[in-house]
Amino acid sequence: MAASSRVSSPGWLLAAHCALLLALLLAGAARGHAGAALSSAFYDQSCPGAYNVVRRVIQSARVSDPRIPASLIRLHFHDCFVNGCDGSLLLDDDLPAIQTEKNVPANNNSARGFPVVDGIKRALEEACPGIVSCADILALAAEISVELAGGPRWRVLLGRRDGTTTNVQSAKNLPSPFDSLAKLQEKFRNVNLDDTDLVALQGAHTFGKVQCQFTRHNCSAGQPQGALEDLDQVTPTVFDNKYYGNLLHGQAQLPSDQVMLSDPTAPRTTAPVVHRFASNQKDFFTNFVTSMIKMGNISPLTGKDGEIRKNCRRVNRKGN
């Protein structure tokens, strides 16, 4: 399905709206300790141009780095699965207090796009000083990145605050490209995401690249381990449902993708969802939006919890 027909379709917009309402019902847990709920209107008064600022920086960055949309959505995933969606992934080492999550196996020499996040933060601090959190930057950047690549749009729930700690041990347990289906299901259940969420969110592998050392076939003779390959070799820069067709043909790049069909338990769990999404892009898009909103609601800090970092790479100094 072409991006032009996808966004403008009234039926699609209605489906996206229904997905948002469903996610809001499912995510009554999107409240911090202070009881404040996330809201798509959170910055309407305090920083009404926030979305456009984030979009402008990403659009500029992708001119020289077409990989950046896929990289930014991955940062949001890897942030939310550790400590909740609190921007902890963005913190650099500041020993002994802060040990960065960037050096764990799932992130080291793999997670990228941090300078673009820095650029977004600088632009927002110029427009609305001290208002928009780094955690919300990741959530907005993920949605914008998907939309710019031809995927669905949705109203991002906002109001997260930034954490002041990291969790390296938890980061070492991020989903791995070599995880079995049972292990993936366990890791997703641990953050209240089900099998449909698992299949939908894995669909983000419909764009971006991967180092050949993580693929099912490893690296070709003479190919360095860091050599990059397209995750989706059919439409590698487009957010669509071709990824699921790849799975049906046994052509998934990552072992953790193909297990959603090949695992002995898959016919009873994930395989039917893969088949649904392969045959119906609208169904995939609707469920992807719902799952993204659910993931964005994992243990957010709100109200007076956490802080609004001035620099996404380090916590604020006392008195600042």
Protein backbone atom coordinates (compact mmCIF):
# COMPACT_ATOMS: atom_id res chain seq x y z
CA MET A 1 0.00 0.00 0.00
CA ALA A 2 1.41 3.36 -0.98
CA ALA A 3 2.01 5.91 1.76
CA SER A 4 -0.08 8.55 -0.01
CA SER A 5 -3.26 6.45 0.03
CA ARG A 6 -2.57 5.17 3.55
CA VAL A 7 -2.52 8.46 5.46
CA SER A 8 -5.35 10.21 3.67
CA SER A 9 -7.85 7.34 3.89
CA PRO A 10 -10.81 8.27 6.15
CA GLY A 11 -11.20 4.59 7.03
CA TRP A 12 -7.60 4.42 8.16
CA LEU A 13 -7.95 7.58 10.27
CA LEU A 14 -11.05 6.10 11.92
CA ALA A 15 -9.17 2.87 12.61
CA ALA A 16 -6.28 4.78 14.14
CA HIS A 17 -8.70 6.74 16.31
CA CYS A 18 -10.33 3.51 17.50
CA ALA A 19 -6.91 2.07 18.24
CA LEU A 20 -6.09 5.10 20.36
CA LEU A 21 -9.34 4.77 22.32
CA LEU A 22 -8.72 1.06 22.87
CA ALA A 23 -5.18 1.70 24.03
CA LEU A 24 -6.37 4.36 26.44
CA LEU A 25 -8.79 1.87 27.97
CA LEU A 26 -6.10 -0.79 28.18
CA ALA A 27 -3.60 1.64 29.58
CA GLY A 28 -5.37 2.99 32.60
CA ALA A 29 -2.04 2.07 34.15
CA ALA A 30 -0.39 4.99 32.41
CA ARG A 31 -0.12 6.89 35.64
CA GLY A 32 2.88 7.79 37.71
CA HIS A 33 3.18 7.65 41.46
CA ALA A 34 1.66 11.11 41.70
CA GLY A 35 -1.46 9.94 39.85
CA ALA A 36 -0.97 12.13 36.76
CA ALA A 37 -2.10 10.53 33.47
CA LEU A 38 -0.35 10.81 30.14
CA SER A 39 -2.21 12.93 27.59
CA SER A 40 -1.81 13.76 23.92
CA ALA A 41 -2.60 17.38 24.86
CA PHE A 42 0.07 17.61 27.57
CA TYR A 43 2.17 20.28 25.80
CA ASP A 44 -0.66 22.13 24.04
CA GLN A 45 -0.25 25.16 26.30
CA SER A 46 3.34 24.91 27.53
CA CYS A 47 5.04 23.99 24.24
CA PRO A 48 2.51 23.88 21.40
CA GLY A 49 5.17 23.58 18.71
CA ALA A 50 6.94 20.57 20.26
CA TYR A 51 5.78 18.06 17.65
CA ASN A 52 6.84 20.26 14.75
CA VAL A 53 10.25 20.90 16.32
CA VAL A 54 10.91 17.16 16.69
CA ARG A 55 9.69 16.47 13.17
CA ARG A 56 11.86 19.20 11.66
CA VAL A 57 15.05 17.88 13.27
CA ILE A 58 14.33 14.30 12.18
CA GLN A 59 13.51 15.36 8.63
CA SER A 60 16.81 17.20 8.45
CA ALA A 61 18.77 14.29 9.92
CA ARG A 62 17.35 11.69 7.53
CA VAL A 63 18.64 13.60 4.52
CA SER A 64 22.20 12.58 5.38
CA ASP A 65 21.28 9.43 7.32
CA PRO A 66 18.31 7.51 5.85
CA ARG A 67 18.65 4.94 8.66
CA ILE A 68 17.75 7.42 11.37
CA PRO A 69 13.96 6.79 11.55
CA ALA A 70 14.49 3.08 12.25
CA SER A 71 17.26 3.91 14.72
CA LEU A 72 15.08 6.33 16.67
CA ILE A 73 12.15 3.94 17.10
CA ARG A 74 14.61 1.32 18.36
CA LEU A 75 15.82 3.76 21.04
CA HIS A 76 12.24 4.11 22.26
CA PHE A 77 11.86 0.31 22.45
CA HIS A 78 15.11 -0.19 24.33
CA ASP A 79 14.29 2.65 26.71
CA CYS A 80 10.80 1.45 27.60
CA PHE A 81 11.84 -2.16 28.22
CA VAL A 82 14.29 -1.03 30.94
CA ASN A 83 12.98 0.94 33.94
CA GLY A 84 9.96 1.95 31.84
CA CYS A 85 9.85 4.86 29.40
CA ASP A 86 12.03 7.25 31.39
CA GLY A 87 14.89 8.18 29.06
CA SER A 88 17.40 6.14 31.07
CA LEU A 89 18.96 4.75 27.88
CA LEU A 90 20.12 8.24 26.94
CA LEU A 91 22.27 8.75 30.03
CA ASP A 92 26.06 8.62 29.60
CA ASP A 93 28.44 7.27 32.23
CA ASP A 94 28.75 9.59 35.21
CA LEU A 95 30.48 7.30 37.63
CA PRO A 96 30.01 6.27 40.33
CA ALA A 97 26.39 7.45 40.34
CA ILE A 98 25.40 6.61 36.75
CA GLN A 99 26.50 3.60 34.74
CA THR A 100 25.23 3.89 31.19
CA GLU A 101 22.94 1.33 29.57
CA LYS A 102 24.54 2.06 26.20
CA ASN A 103 27.32 -0.49 26.71
CA VAL A 104 25.22 -3.60 27.32
CA PRO A 105 25.33 -6.18 24.49
CA ALA A 106 21.95 -5.20 23.02
CA ASN A 107 23.03 -1.55 22.70
CA ASN A 108 26.81 -1.48 22.34
CA ASN A 109 27.86 -0.51 18.79
CA SER A 110 24.23 -1.02 17.84
CA ALA A 111 21.91 1.55 19.41
CA ARG A 112 22.38 4.79 17.49
CA GLY A 113 20.78 8.17 16.87
CA PHE A 114 21.87 9.80 20.13
CA PRO A 115 23.25 12.95 18.41
CA VAL A 116 19.85 13.44 16.73
CA VAL A 117 18.15 13.22 20.13
CA ASP A 118 20.66 15.82 21.37
CA GLY A 119 19.72 18.05 18.44
CA ILE A 120 16.03 17.70 19.19
CA LYS A 121 16.62 18.55 22.84
CA ARG A 122 18.65 21.65 21.96
CA ALA A 123 15.91 22.86 19.61
CA LEU A 124 13.21 22.26 22.21
CA GLU A 125 15.21 23.99 24.94
CA GLU A 126 15.47 27.00 22.67
CA ALA A 127 11.74 26.97 21.94
CA CYS A 128 10.41 25.89 25.36
CA PRO A 129 13.15 25.79 28.03
CA GLY A 130 12.73 23.09 30.67
CA ILE A 131 9.40 21.80 29.39
CA VAL A 132 9.74 18.70 27.19
CA SER A 133 11.31 15.58 28.71
CA CYS A 134 13.84 13.37 26.97
CA ALA A 135 11.50 10.41 27.50
CA ASP A 136 8.77 12.23 25.58
CA ILE A 137 11.27 13.14 22.86
CA LEU A 138 11.83 9.41 22.26
CA ALA A 139 8.08 8.75 22.15
CA LEU A 140 7.48 11.58 19.67
CA ALA A 141 10.50 10.64 17.58
CA ALA A 142 9.24 7.05 17.29
CA GLU A 143 5.84 8.11 15.96
CA ILE A 144 7.29 10.68 13.58
CA SER A 145 9.87 8.20 12.29
CA VAL A 146 7.17 5.62 11.51
CA GLU A 147 4.97 8.19 9.78
CA LEU A 148 7.83 9.61 7.70
CA ALA A 149 8.61 6.08 6.46
CA GLY A 150 5.04 5.58 5.24
CA GLY A 151 3.56 3.98 8.35
CA PRO A 152 0.59 4.96 10.51
CA ARG A 153 0.14 8.15 12.47
CA TRP A 154 -1.19 8.38 15.99
CA ARG A 155 -1.58 10.91 18.77
CA VAL A 156 1.28 10.27 21.17
CA LEU A 157 0.41 10.27 24.85
CA LEU A 158 2.80 12.66 26.62
CA GLY A 159 3.73 13.87 30.06
CA ARG A 160 6.56 11.49 30.96
CA ARG A 161 9.37 12.78 33.12
CA ASP A 162 12.99 11.70 32.99
CA GLY A 163 14.54 9.16 35.31
CA THR A 164 17.63 9.92 37.34
CA THR A 165 19.00 6.38 37.42
CA THR A 166 19.88 3.59 35.00
CA ASN A 167 19.40 -0.16 35.30
CA VAL A 168 22.26 -2.00 33.61
CA GLN A 169 21.21 -5.43 34.88
CA SER A 170 17.76 -5.03 33.35
CA ALA A 171 19.28 -3.67 30.13
CA LYS A 172 21.34 -6.85 29.85
CA ASN A 173 18.03 -8.71 29.56
CA LEU A 174 16.63 -6.77 26.60
CA PRO A 175 15.05 -8.89 23.85
CA SER A 176 17.81 -10.48 21.79
CA PRO A 177 17.87 -11.45 18.09
CA PHE A 178 18.75 -14.97 19.27
CA ASP A 179 15.92 -15.35 21.82
CA SER A 180 13.56 -18.30 21.54
CA LEU A 181 9.85 -17.59 21.18
CA ALA A 182 9.28 -18.61 24.80
CA LYS A 183 11.96 -16.20 25.97
CA LEU A 184 10.53 -13.36 23.87
CA GLN A 185 7.05 -14.01 25.20
CA GLU A 186 8.38 -13.98 28.76
CA LYS A 187 10.18 -10.66 28.27
CA PHE A 188 7.09 -9.08 26.71
CA ARG A 189 4.77 -10.45 29.42
CA ASN A 190 7.08 -8.95 32.04
CA VAL A 191 6.08 -5.49 30.74
CA ASN A 192 2.40 -6.42 30.25
CA LEU A 193 2.61 -6.95 26.49
CA ASP A 194 0.90 -9.99 24.96
CA ASP A 195 1.51 -12.13 21.87
CA THR A 196 -0.28 -9.71 19.54
CA ASP A 197 1.88 -6.89 20.88
CA LEU A 198 4.97 -9.03 20.33
CA VAL A 199 4.12 -9.72 16.68
CA ALA A 200 3.05 -6.12 16.04
CA LEU A 201 6.10 -4.50 17.62
CA GLN A 202 8.49 -6.92 15.89
CA GLY A 203 6.95 -5.44 12.74
CA ALA A 204 9.18 -2.41 13.26
CA HIS A 205 11.82 -4.63 11.65
CA THR A 206 10.13 -3.73 8.37
CA PHE A 207 12.72 -0.97 7.96
CA GLY A 208 16.28 -0.28 9.02
CA LYS A 209 19.45 -2.33 8.94
CA VAL A 210 21.17 -4.99 11.04
CA GLN A 211 24.75 -6.12 11.44
CA CYS A 212 25.23 -9.41 9.60
CA GLN A 213 26.55 -11.09 12.77
CA PHE A 214 23.00 -11.00 14.17
CA THR A 215 21.27 -12.49 11.13
CA ARG A 216 20.10 -16.08 10.70
CA HIS A 217 22.76 -16.75 8.09
CA ASN A 218 25.54 -14.84 9.86
CA CYS A 219 28.07 -13.03 7.68
CA SER A 220 29.14 -14.14 4.20
CA ALA A 221 32.73 -15.17 3.57
CA GLY A 222 34.99 -12.15 3.88
CA GLN A 223 32.17 -9.98 5.24
CA PRO A 224 33.10 -8.13 8.45
CA GLN A 225 30.82 -8.75 11.42
CA GLY A 226 29.71 -5.13 11.44
CA ALA A 227 28.62 -5.19 7.80
CA LEU A 228 25.04 -3.95 7.44
CA GLU A 229 22.15 -5.72 5.76
CA ASP A 230 18.57 -4.59 5.21
CA LEU A 231 16.12 -6.04 7.73
CA ASP A 232 13.47 -6.08 5.01
CA GLN A 233 15.06 -6.77 1.65
CA VAL A 234 11.84 -6.05 -0.26
CA THR A 235 11.06 -2.47 0.86
CA PRO A 236 13.96 -1.65 3.23
CA THR A 237 13.14 2.03 3.83
CA VAL A 238 9.34 1.80 3.89
CA PHE A 239 7.18 1.05 6.91
CA ASP A 240 4.73 -1.54 5.55
CA ASN A 241 3.64 -5.14 6.10
CA LYS A 242 6.14 -6.73 3.67
CA TYR A 243 8.13 -7.91 6.70
CA TYR A 244 5.42 -10.46 7.50
CA GLY A 245 5.48 -11.75 3.93
CA ASN A 246 9.20 -12.31 4.39
CA LEU A 247 8.45 -14.45 7.44
CA LEU A 248 5.93 -16.53 5.49
CA HIS A 249 8.64 -17.24 2.90
CA GLY A 250 11.22 -18.12 5.56
CA GLN A 251 13.22 -15.00 4.73
CA ALA A 252 13.33 -13.15 8.05
CA GLN A 253 16.78 -11.77 8.77
CA LEU A 254 16.68 -12.25 12.53
CA PRO A 255 16.26 -15.62 14.25
CA SER A 256 13.95 -13.95 16.77
CA ASP A 257 11.64 -12.91 13.94
CA GLN A 258 11.40 -16.26 12.17
CA VAL A 259 10.60 -18.11 15.44
CA MET A 260 7.19 -16.44 15.42
CA LEU A 261 6.37 -18.96 12.67
CA SER A 262 8.89 -21.77 13.10
CA ASP A 263 8.62 -22.46 16.83
CA PRO A 264 6.55 -25.57 17.66
CA THR A 265 4.20 -23.46 19.80
CA ALA A 266 3.80 -20.70 17.18
CA PRO A 267 0.68 -22.18 15.49
CA ARG A 268 -1.19 -21.70 18.77
CA THR A 269 0.21 -18.26 19.60
CA THR A 270 2.04 -15.95 17.20
CA ALA A 271 1.71 -17.58 13.77
CA PRO A 272 -1.99 -16.71 13.27
CA VAL A 273 -1.17 -13.05 13.98
CA VAL A 274 1.72 -13.13 11.49
CA HIS A 275 -0.65 -14.48 8.82
CA ARG A 276 -3.23 -11.79 9.62
CA PHE A 277 -0.75 -8.97 9.33
CA ALA A 278 0.82 -10.40 6.16
CA SER A 279 -2.56 -10.34 4.43
CA ASN A 280 -3.89 -7.07 5.79
CA GLN A 281 -1.67 -4.00 6.19
CA LYS A 282 -4.49 -1.98 7.75
CA ASP A 283 -4.84 -4.63 10.47
CA PHE A 284 -1.10 -4.46 11.12
CA PHE A 285 -1.09 -0.68 11.29
CA THR A 286 -4.04 -0.56 13.69
CA ASN A 287 -2.48 -3.12 16.02
CA PHE A 288 0.94 -1.53 15.77
CA VAL A 289 -0.49 1.79 16.95
CA THR A 290 -2.26 0.10 19.87
CA SER A 291 0.91 -1.77 20.85
CA MET A 292 3.10 1.31 20.59
CA ILE A 293 0.78 3.22 22.90
CA LYS A 294 0.76 0.30 25.35
CA MET A 295 4.55 0.11 25.25
CA GLY A 296 4.81 3.88 25.76
CA ASN A 297 2.77 3.43 28.93
CA ILE A 298 5.28 1.13 30.61
CA SER A 299 5.96 2.61 34.07
CA PRO A 300 6.17 6.29 33.12
CA LEU A 301 7.33 8.84 35.66
CA THR A 302 4.75 11.62 35.90
CA GLY A 303 3.69 14.44 38.19
CA LYS A 304 6.57 15.34 40.48
CA ASP A 305 8.52 12.12 39.96
CA GLY A 306 11.80 12.30 38.09
CA GLU A 307 12.84 15.52 36.38
CA ILE A 308 12.97 17.31 33.04
CA ARG A 309 16.60 16.96 32.00
CA LYS A 310 18.32 19.95 30.45
CA ASN A 311 20.71 17.60 28.69
CA CYS A 312 19.44 14.13 27.78
CA ARG A 313 22.88 12.61 28.46
CA ARG A 314 23.08 13.55 32.13
CA VAL A 315 20.86 14.17 35.12
CA ASN A 316 20.38 17.73 36.29
CA ARG A 317 22.76 18.99 38.94
CA LYS A 318 21.18 19.89 42.25
CA GLY A 319 20.17 23.51 42.34
CA ASN A 320 19.74 23.71 38.54
